[in-house]
Amino acid sequence: MSNPTSKTGIFGEFREFIARGNVMDLAVGVIIGAAFNDIVKSLVDNVVMPPIGMLLSGIDFAKLQWVLKPDDPLTKANELVAIQYGLFLNTVIRFVIVAWVVFLMVKGVNAIRRRDAEQADDAPPSAPPPQELLLIEIRDLLRPHAPTTARPRAG
């Protein structure tokens, strides 16, 4: 019996945990998701928003804000207090793009699953294993010799 606190026991359990397929798939998904986030951020900030800003008289959405307290230029400290709704708008657009891509991915996976399920339903049933065939043969041989017992009626 192994000691659960021994190095090989803990490391063995950890290795078994990491080697599971779903953990590795999750890790790959997180890494790709982080990279995808950077791509979407660049798409929104550098491709989508500049033409929209140009159509709206050259507005830079990243600089749109409601100033609650202006900065005092005579002090070194930044005293500006503002609600930066332009940055929020950029973030909302980024979220919509990511949500759309995830929706399309889920839709594609569901279509593949439905197609695979239809193909599985259309496939002829496979032959039973040899043990099951033997049991069916024994059952069929014993059936004519089985004694019939009359069941009492309820009532």
N, C-alpha and C. Protein backbone atom coordinates (compact mmCIF):
# COMPACT_ATOMS: atom_id res chain seq x y z
N MET A 1 0.85 -1.19 0.00
CA MET A 1 0.00 0.00 0.00
C MET A 1 0.88 1.23 0.00
N SER A 2 0.64 2.15 -0.93
CA SER A 2 1.50 3.32 -1.03
C SER A 2 1.04 4.42 -0.09
N ASN A 3 2.00 5.20 0.34
CA ASN A 3 1.73 6.32 1.21
C ASN A 3 1.27 7.50 0.35
N PRO A 4 0.08 8.04 0.58
CA PRO A 4 -0.42 9.11 -0.29
C PRO A 4 0.41 10.38 -0.21
N THR A 5 1.21 10.55 0.87
CA THR A 5 2.00 11.75 0.97
C THR A 5 3.40 11.57 0.39
N SER A 6 3.73 10.40 -0.08
CA SER A 6 5.05 10.20 -0.67
C SER A 6 5.14 10.95 -1.99
N LYS A 7 6.37 11.29 -2.37
CA LYS A 7 6.58 12.07 -3.59
C LYS A 7 6.07 11.33 -4.82
N THR A 8 6.33 10.05 -4.90
CA THR A 8 5.89 9.32 -6.09
C THR A 8 4.38 9.21 -6.11
N GLY A 9 3.73 9.11 -4.95
CA GLY A 9 2.27 9.03 -4.90
C GLY A 9 1.64 10.32 -5.36
N ILE A 10 2.08 11.43 -4.83
CA ILE A 10 1.52 12.73 -5.21
C ILE A 10 1.84 13.04 -6.67
N PHE A 11 3.11 12.86 -7.04
CA PHE A 11 3.49 13.15 -8.42
C PHE A 11 2.83 12.18 -9.40
N GLY A 12 2.66 10.93 -8.96
CA GLY A 12 1.97 9.97 -9.81
C GLY A 12 0.52 10.37 -10.03
N GLU A 13 -0.14 10.79 -8.95
CA GLU A 13 -1.53 11.25 -9.08
C GLU A 13 -1.62 12.50 -9.95
N PHE A 14 -0.63 13.41 -9.75
CA PHE A 14 -0.63 14.63 -10.54
C PHE A 14 -0.42 14.31 -12.02
N ARG A 15 0.51 13.41 -12.32
CA ARG A 15 0.78 13.01 -13.70
C ARG A 15 -0.49 12.39 -14.31
N GLU A 16 -1.18 11.55 -13.53
CA GLU A 16 -2.42 10.93 -14.02
C GLU A 16 -3.49 11.99 -14.29
N PHE A 17 -3.58 12.98 -13.40
CA PHE A 17 -4.55 14.06 -13.56
C PHE A 17 -4.26 14.87 -14.82
N ILE A 18 -3.00 15.22 -15.02
CA ILE A 18 -2.62 16.05 -16.17
C ILE A 18 -2.77 15.27 -17.47
N ALA A 19 -2.54 13.96 -17.42
CA ALA A 19 -2.58 13.16 -18.64
C ALA A 19 -3.99 12.91 -19.14
N ARG A 20 -4.99 13.22 -18.34
CA ARG A 20 -6.37 13.05 -18.81
C ARG A 20 -6.61 13.97 -20.00
N GLY A 21 -7.34 13.48 -20.96
CA GLY A 21 -7.56 14.23 -22.19
C GLY A 21 -8.27 15.55 -21.97
N ASN A 22 -9.28 15.58 -21.10
CA ASN A 22 -10.04 16.80 -20.95
C ASN A 22 -9.23 17.92 -20.30
N VAL A 23 -8.28 17.59 -19.44
CA VAL A 23 -7.44 18.63 -18.84
C VAL A 23 -6.53 19.24 -19.90
N MET A 24 -5.96 18.40 -20.73
CA MET A 24 -5.09 18.91 -21.79
C MET A 24 -5.90 19.72 -22.80
N ASP A 25 -7.10 19.27 -23.13
CA ASP A 25 -7.95 20.02 -24.05
C ASP A 25 -8.30 21.39 -23.47
N LEU A 26 -8.57 21.42 -22.16
CA LEU A 26 -8.89 22.68 -21.51
C LEU A 26 -7.69 23.62 -21.56
N ALA A 27 -6.50 23.10 -21.29
CA ALA A 27 -5.30 23.94 -21.33
C ALA A 27 -5.08 24.51 -22.73
N VAL A 28 -5.23 23.69 -23.74
CA VAL A 28 -5.08 24.16 -25.12
C VAL A 28 -6.13 25.22 -25.42
N GLY A 29 -7.36 25.00 -24.98
CA GLY A 29 -8.44 25.97 -25.20
C GLY A 29 -8.16 27.31 -24.54
N VAL A 30 -7.63 27.27 -23.32
CA VAL A 30 -7.32 28.52 -22.61
C VAL A 30 -6.22 29.29 -23.34
N ILE A 31 -5.19 28.58 -23.77
CA ILE A 31 -4.07 29.24 -24.48
C ILE A 31 -4.54 29.83 -25.80
N ILE A 32 -5.31 29.07 -26.56
CA ILE A 32 -5.82 29.58 -27.84
C ILE A 32 -6.79 30.74 -27.59
N GLY A 33 -7.60 30.63 -26.54
CA GLY A 33 -8.53 31.71 -26.21
C GLY A 33 -7.81 33.00 -25.86
N ALA A 34 -6.72 32.90 -25.13
CA ALA A 34 -5.95 34.11 -24.80
C ALA A 34 -5.37 34.74 -26.06
N ALA A 35 -4.84 33.92 -26.95
CA ALA A 35 -4.30 34.45 -28.20
C ALA A 35 -5.43 35.04 -29.05
N PHE A 36 -6.58 34.39 -29.07
CA PHE A 36 -7.72 34.87 -29.84
C PHE A 36 -8.20 36.22 -29.30
N ASN A 37 -8.15 36.40 -27.99
CA ASN A 37 -8.53 37.67 -27.38
C ASN A 37 -7.66 38.81 -27.91
N ASP A 38 -6.35 38.56 -28.03
CA ASP A 38 -5.45 39.59 -28.56
C ASP A 38 -5.79 39.92 -30.01
N ILE A 39 -6.13 38.90 -30.79
CA ILE A 39 -6.48 39.13 -32.20
C ILE A 39 -7.76 39.96 -32.29
N VAL A 40 -8.75 39.63 -31.47
CA VAL A 40 -10.02 40.37 -31.51
C VAL A 40 -9.80 41.80 -31.04
N LYS A 41 -8.99 42.00 -30.01
CA LYS A 41 -8.69 43.36 -29.52
C LYS A 41 -8.06 44.18 -30.64
N SER A 42 -7.10 43.60 -31.33
CA SER A 42 -6.45 44.30 -32.44
C SER A 42 -7.45 44.58 -33.56
N LEU A 43 -8.31 43.61 -33.85
CA LEU A 43 -9.33 43.79 -34.89
C LEU A 43 -10.24 44.97 -34.56
N VAL A 44 -10.72 45.02 -33.33
CA VAL A 44 -11.64 46.10 -32.94
C VAL A 44 -10.91 47.44 -32.91
N ASP A 45 -9.75 47.49 -32.25
CA ASP A 45 -9.05 48.77 -32.07
C ASP A 45 -8.45 49.30 -33.36
N ASN A 46 -7.96 48.40 -34.23
CA ASN A 46 -7.20 48.85 -35.39
C ASN A 46 -7.93 48.72 -36.73
N VAL A 47 -8.99 47.91 -36.78
CA VAL A 47 -9.68 47.70 -38.06
C VAL A 47 -11.13 48.18 -38.02
N VAL A 48 -11.87 47.80 -36.99
CA VAL A 48 -13.31 48.13 -36.95
C VAL A 48 -13.55 49.58 -36.54
N MET A 49 -12.93 50.03 -35.46
CA MET A 49 -13.25 51.34 -34.92
C MET A 49 -12.73 52.53 -35.74
N PRO A 50 -11.54 52.47 -36.36
CA PRO A 50 -11.10 53.64 -37.14
C PRO A 50 -12.07 54.04 -38.27
N PRO A 51 -12.57 53.08 -39.08
CA PRO A 51 -13.54 53.53 -40.11
C PRO A 51 -14.83 54.08 -39.50
N ILE A 52 -15.28 53.48 -38.40
CA ILE A 52 -16.49 54.00 -37.75
C ILE A 52 -16.22 55.41 -37.24
N GLY A 53 -15.06 55.63 -36.64
CA GLY A 53 -14.69 56.97 -36.18
C GLY A 53 -14.58 57.95 -37.32
N MET A 54 -14.04 57.51 -38.47
CA MET A 54 -13.92 58.38 -39.64
C MET A 54 -15.31 58.78 -40.16
N LEU A 55 -16.24 57.80 -40.17
CA LEU A 55 -17.59 58.11 -40.62
C LEU A 55 -18.29 59.08 -39.69
N LEU A 56 -17.87 59.11 -38.43
CA LEU A 56 -18.47 60.00 -37.44
C LEU A 56 -17.56 61.21 -37.19
N SER A 57 -17.01 61.78 -38.24
CA SER A 57 -16.19 63.01 -38.19
C SER A 57 -14.88 62.83 -37.44
N GLY A 58 -14.24 61.70 -37.59
CA GLY A 58 -12.90 61.50 -37.03
C GLY A 58 -12.85 61.26 -35.54
N ILE A 59 -13.90 60.74 -34.97
CA ILE A 59 -13.95 60.49 -33.52
C ILE A 59 -13.10 59.26 -33.20
N ASP A 60 -12.23 59.40 -32.18
CA ASP A 60 -11.47 58.25 -31.66
C ASP A 60 -12.25 57.72 -30.47
N PHE A 61 -12.87 56.56 -30.63
CA PHE A 61 -13.74 56.03 -29.58
C PHE A 61 -12.98 55.76 -28.29
N ALA A 62 -11.71 55.44 -28.38
CA ALA A 62 -10.93 55.14 -27.19
C ALA A 62 -10.78 56.38 -26.30
N LYS A 63 -10.96 57.57 -26.86
CA LYS A 63 -10.78 58.80 -26.09
C LYS A 63 -12.11 59.43 -25.66
N LEU A 64 -13.23 58.81 -26.00
CA LEU A 64 -14.52 59.35 -25.59
C LEU A 64 -14.71 59.15 -24.10
N GLN A 65 -15.06 60.22 -23.41
CA GLN A 65 -15.25 60.13 -21.96
C GLN A 65 -16.11 61.28 -21.46
N TRP A 66 -16.75 61.07 -20.33
CA TRP A 66 -17.46 62.12 -19.63
C TRP A 66 -16.58 62.52 -18.45
N VAL A 67 -16.12 63.74 -18.45
CA VAL A 67 -15.23 64.21 -17.41
C VAL A 67 -16.06 64.63 -16.20
N LEU A 68 -15.79 63.99 -15.08
CA LEU A 68 -16.47 64.34 -13.83
C LEU A 68 -15.66 65.38 -13.06
N LYS A 69 -14.34 65.23 -13.11
CA LYS A 69 -13.45 66.18 -12.45
C LYS A 69 -12.24 66.37 -13.36
N PRO A 70 -12.04 67.59 -13.88
CA PRO A 70 -10.92 67.79 -14.80
C PRO A 70 -9.57 67.73 -14.08
N ASP A 71 -8.55 67.49 -14.87
CA ASP A 71 -7.19 67.43 -14.35
C ASP A 71 -6.69 68.86 -14.15
N ASP A 72 -5.97 69.07 -13.05
CA ASP A 72 -5.39 70.38 -12.79
C ASP A 72 -3.99 70.39 -13.38
N PRO A 73 -3.74 71.20 -14.43
CA PRO A 73 -2.42 71.17 -15.07
C PRO A 73 -1.30 71.71 -14.18
N LEU A 74 -1.62 72.38 -13.08
CA LEU A 74 -0.60 72.96 -12.21
C LEU A 74 -0.02 71.94 -11.23
N THR A 75 -0.67 70.77 -11.11
CA THR A 75 -0.15 69.75 -10.19
C THR A 75 0.44 68.59 -10.98
N LYS A 76 1.38 67.88 -10.34
CA LYS A 76 2.00 66.73 -11.00
C LYS A 76 1.05 65.54 -11.05
N ALA A 77 0.25 65.37 -10.03
CA ALA A 77 -0.65 64.21 -9.93
C ALA A 77 -1.78 64.33 -10.96
N ASN A 78 -2.16 63.20 -11.48
CA ASN A 78 -3.28 63.15 -12.42
C ASN A 78 -4.57 63.12 -11.61
N GLU A 79 -5.33 64.19 -11.67
CA GLU A 79 -6.56 64.29 -10.88
C GLU A 79 -7.81 64.08 -11.72
N LEU A 80 -7.63 63.70 -12.97
CA LEU A 80 -8.76 63.51 -13.87
C LEU A 80 -9.64 62.35 -13.39
N VAL A 81 -10.93 62.62 -13.29
CA VAL A 81 -11.91 61.58 -12.99
C VAL A 81 -12.91 61.61 -14.14
N ALA A 82 -12.99 60.48 -14.87
CA ALA A 82 -13.84 60.46 -16.06
C ALA A 82 -14.44 59.08 -16.24
N ILE A 83 -15.63 59.06 -16.83
CA ILE A 83 -16.26 57.82 -17.25
C ILE A 83 -15.87 57.61 -18.70
N GLN A 84 -15.08 56.60 -18.95
CA GLN A 84 -14.53 56.37 -20.29
C GLN A 84 -15.45 55.43 -21.07
N TYR A 85 -16.55 55.98 -21.57
CA TYR A 85 -17.54 55.17 -22.26
C TYR A 85 -17.05 54.71 -23.63
N GLY A 86 -16.08 55.37 -24.21
CA GLY A 86 -15.53 54.94 -25.49
C GLY A 86 -14.78 53.62 -25.36
N LEU A 87 -13.98 53.49 -24.30
CA LEU A 87 -13.29 52.22 -24.04
C LEU A 87 -14.30 51.11 -23.75
N PHE A 88 -15.37 51.47 -23.03
CA PHE A 88 -16.42 50.49 -22.75
C PHE A 88 -17.08 50.03 -24.05
N LEU A 89 -17.33 50.98 -24.96
CA LEU A 89 -17.94 50.64 -26.24
C LEU A 89 -17.03 49.68 -27.03
N ASN A 90 -15.71 49.96 -27.03
CA ASN A 90 -14.77 49.05 -27.69
C ASN A 90 -14.83 47.66 -27.07
N THR A 91 -14.92 47.58 -25.76
CA THR A 91 -14.99 46.29 -25.07
C THR A 91 -16.27 45.55 -25.41
N VAL A 92 -17.38 46.27 -25.50
CA VAL A 92 -18.65 45.64 -25.88
C VAL A 92 -18.56 45.08 -27.29
N ILE A 93 -17.97 45.82 -28.20
CA ILE A 93 -17.83 45.33 -29.58
C ILE A 93 -16.94 44.11 -29.61
N ARG A 94 -15.86 44.11 -28.83
CA ARG A 94 -14.98 42.94 -28.74
C ARG A 94 -15.76 41.73 -28.23
N PHE A 95 -16.58 41.94 -27.20
CA PHE A 95 -17.38 40.84 -26.64
C PHE A 95 -18.34 40.29 -27.70
N VAL A 96 -18.98 41.17 -28.44
CA VAL A 96 -19.94 40.71 -29.46
C VAL A 96 -19.22 39.87 -30.52
N ILE A 97 -18.02 40.29 -30.91
CA ILE A 97 -17.26 39.52 -31.90
C ILE A 97 -16.90 38.14 -31.35
N VAL A 98 -16.40 38.10 -30.12
CA VAL A 98 -16.04 36.81 -29.51
C VAL A 98 -17.28 35.93 -29.35
N ALA A 99 -18.38 36.52 -28.89
CA ALA A 99 -19.61 35.74 -28.72
C ALA A 99 -20.09 35.19 -30.06
N TRP A 100 -19.97 35.97 -31.13
CA TRP A 100 -20.39 35.51 -32.46
C TRP A 100 -19.53 34.34 -32.92
N VAL A 101 -18.22 34.45 -32.72
CA VAL A 101 -17.32 33.38 -33.13
C VAL A 101 -17.60 32.11 -32.33
N VAL A 102 -17.81 32.25 -31.02
CA VAL A 102 -18.12 31.08 -30.19
C VAL A 102 -19.45 30.47 -30.64
N PHE A 103 -20.44 31.29 -30.93
CA PHE A 103 -21.72 30.79 -31.43
C PHE A 103 -21.53 29.98 -32.71
N LEU A 104 -20.73 30.52 -33.65
CA LEU A 104 -20.50 29.81 -34.91
C LEU A 104 -19.76 28.49 -34.67
N MET A 105 -18.83 28.48 -33.72
CA MET A 105 -18.11 27.24 -33.40
C MET A 105 -19.07 26.20 -32.83
N VAL A 106 -19.91 26.61 -31.88
CA VAL A 106 -20.86 25.68 -31.26
C VAL A 106 -21.86 25.18 -32.31
N LYS A 107 -22.30 26.09 -33.18
CA LYS A 107 -23.22 25.70 -34.24
C LYS A 107 -22.57 24.65 -35.15
N GLY A 108 -21.31 24.84 -35.50
CA GLY A 108 -20.59 23.87 -36.33
C GLY A 108 -20.43 22.52 -35.65
N VAL A 109 -20.07 22.54 -34.38
CA VAL A 109 -19.91 21.29 -33.63
C VAL A 109 -21.25 20.57 -33.52
N ASN A 110 -22.33 21.31 -33.25
CA ASN A 110 -23.65 20.68 -33.17
C ASN A 110 -24.06 20.07 -34.51
N ALA A 111 -23.75 20.74 -35.61
CA ALA A 111 -24.07 20.19 -36.94
C ALA A 111 -23.31 18.89 -37.17
N ILE A 112 -22.04 18.86 -36.78
CA ILE A 112 -21.25 17.64 -36.93
C ILE A 112 -21.82 16.52 -36.07
N ARG A 113 -22.20 16.84 -34.83
CA ARG A 113 -22.78 15.82 -33.94
C ARG A 113 -24.08 15.28 -34.49
N ARG A 114 -24.94 16.16 -35.02
CA ARG A 114 -26.21 15.70 -35.61
C ARG A 114 -25.95 14.79 -36.80
N ARG A 115 -25.01 15.18 -37.65
CA ARG A 115 -24.68 14.36 -38.82
C ARG A 115 -24.15 13.00 -38.39
N ASP A 116 -23.27 12.98 -37.39
CA ASP A 116 -22.74 11.71 -36.89
C ASP A 116 -23.83 10.85 -36.26
N ALA A 117 -24.78 11.49 -35.56
CA ALA A 117 -25.88 10.74 -34.96
C ALA A 117 -26.78 10.14 -36.04
N GLU A 118 -27.03 10.90 -37.10
CA GLU A 118 -27.85 10.37 -38.20
C GLU A 118 -27.15 9.21 -38.90
N GLN A 119 -25.85 9.32 -39.09
CA GLN A 119 -25.09 8.24 -39.71
C GLN A 119 -25.09 7.00 -38.82
N ALA A 120 -25.02 7.20 -37.50
CA ALA A 120 -25.03 6.07 -36.57
C ALA A 120 -26.40 5.39 -36.59
N ASP A 121 -27.48 6.18 -36.73
CA ASP A 121 -28.81 5.60 -36.79
C ASP A 121 -29.02 4.83 -38.08
N ASP A 122 -28.43 5.30 -39.18
CA ASP A 122 -28.59 4.65 -40.47
C ASP A 122 -27.73 3.39 -40.60
N ALA A 123 -26.72 3.26 -39.79
CA ALA A 123 -25.81 2.11 -39.89
C ALA A 123 -26.54 0.84 -39.43
N PRO A 124 -26.29 -0.27 -40.13
CA PRO A 124 -26.93 -1.52 -39.69
C PRO A 124 -26.37 -1.95 -38.33
N PRO A 125 -27.19 -2.61 -37.54
CA PRO A 125 -26.71 -3.02 -36.22
C PRO A 125 -25.56 -4.02 -36.37
N SER A 126 -24.60 -3.91 -35.51
CA SER A 126 -23.45 -4.80 -35.59
C SER A 126 -23.83 -6.17 -35.02
N ALA A 127 -23.08 -7.17 -35.43
CA ALA A 127 -23.34 -8.54 -34.96
C ALA A 127 -23.03 -8.62 -33.47
N PRO A 128 -23.81 -9.39 -32.73
CA PRO A 128 -23.54 -9.51 -31.30
C PRO A 128 -22.22 -10.25 -31.08
N PRO A 129 -21.59 -10.04 -29.94
CA PRO A 129 -20.33 -10.73 -29.65
C PRO A 129 -20.56 -12.24 -29.52
N PRO A 130 -19.49 -13.04 -29.64
CA PRO A 130 -19.63 -14.50 -29.61
C PRO A 130 -20.29 -15.02 -28.32
N GLN A 131 -20.02 -14.41 -27.19
CA GLN A 131 -20.63 -14.87 -25.94
C GLN A 131 -22.15 -14.72 -26.01
N GLU A 132 -22.61 -13.61 -26.57
CA GLU A 132 -24.04 -13.38 -26.67
C GLU A 132 -24.68 -14.37 -27.66
N LEU A 133 -23.99 -14.65 -28.74
CA LEU A 133 -24.51 -15.65 -29.69
C LEU A 133 -24.65 -17.01 -29.03
N LEU A 134 -23.67 -17.39 -28.22
CA LEU A 134 -23.72 -18.66 -27.51
C LEU A 134 -24.89 -18.68 -26.53
N LEU A 135 -25.09 -17.62 -25.81
CA LEU A 135 -26.21 -17.55 -24.86
C LEU A 135 -27.55 -17.61 -25.59
N ILE A 136 -27.66 -16.97 -26.73
CA ILE A 136 -28.90 -17.02 -27.52
C ILE A 136 -29.17 -18.45 -27.97
N GLU A 137 -28.12 -19.14 -28.40
CA GLU A 137 -28.27 -20.53 -28.85
C GLU A 137 -28.70 -21.42 -27.69
N ILE A 138 -28.11 -21.25 -26.52
CA ILE A 138 -28.50 -22.05 -25.35
C ILE A 138 -29.94 -21.75 -24.97
N ARG A 139 -30.33 -20.49 -24.98
CA ARG A 139 -31.71 -20.12 -24.65
C ARG A 139 -32.68 -20.78 -25.61
N ASP A 140 -32.37 -20.74 -26.90
CA ASP A 140 -33.26 -21.32 -27.90
C ASP A 140 -33.35 -22.84 -27.75
N LEU A 141 -32.26 -23.48 -27.35
CA LEU A 141 -32.28 -24.94 -27.14
C LEU A 141 -33.10 -25.32 -25.91
N LEU A 142 -33.05 -24.50 -24.89
CA LEU A 142 -33.77 -24.81 -23.64
C LEU A 142 -35.24 -24.42 -23.69
N ARG A 143 -35.62 -23.54 -24.55
CA ARG A 143 -36.99 -23.04 -24.60
C ARG A 143 -38.03 -24.14 -24.82
N PRO A 144 -37.89 -25.09 -25.77
CA PRO A 144 -38.94 -26.10 -25.95
C PRO A 144 -39.04 -27.06 -24.76
N HIS A 145 -37.98 -27.24 -23.99
CA HIS A 145 -37.98 -28.19 -22.88
C HIS A 145 -38.36 -27.55 -21.56
N ALA A 146 -38.56 -26.28 -21.53
CA ALA A 146 -38.86 -25.60 -20.28
C ALA A 146 -40.27 -25.98 -19.82
N PRO A 147 -40.41 -26.36 -18.56
CA PRO A 147 -41.75 -26.69 -18.05
C PRO A 147 -42.62 -25.46 -17.96
N THR A 148 -43.85 -25.62 -18.33
CA THR A 148 -44.75 -24.48 -18.25
C THR A 148 -45.50 -24.58 -16.92
N THR A 149 -45.49 -23.57 -16.18
CA THR A 149 -46.19 -23.56 -14.92
C THR A 149 -47.34 -22.58 -15.05
N ALA A 150 -48.46 -23.02 -14.55
CA ALA A 150 -49.64 -22.16 -14.61
C ALA A 150 -49.55 -21.17 -13.49
N ARG A 151 -49.80 -19.94 -13.85
CA ARG A 151 -49.76 -18.86 -12.85
C ARG A 151 -51.16 -18.69 -12.29
N PRO A 152 -51.28 -18.55 -10.97
CA PRO A 152 -52.62 -18.33 -10.39
C PRO A 152 -53.12 -16.94 -10.78
N ARG A 153 -54.39 -16.85 -11.02
CA ARG A 153 -54.99 -15.58 -11.38
C ARG A 153 -55.17 -14.73 -10.15
N ALA A 154 -54.93 -13.48 -10.36
CA ALA A 154 -55.17 -12.54 -9.26
C ALA A 154 -56.64 -12.14 -9.30
N GLY A 155 -57.23 -12.01 -8.18
CA GLY A 155 -58.58 -11.52 -8.27
C GLY A 155 -59.50 -12.15 -7.41
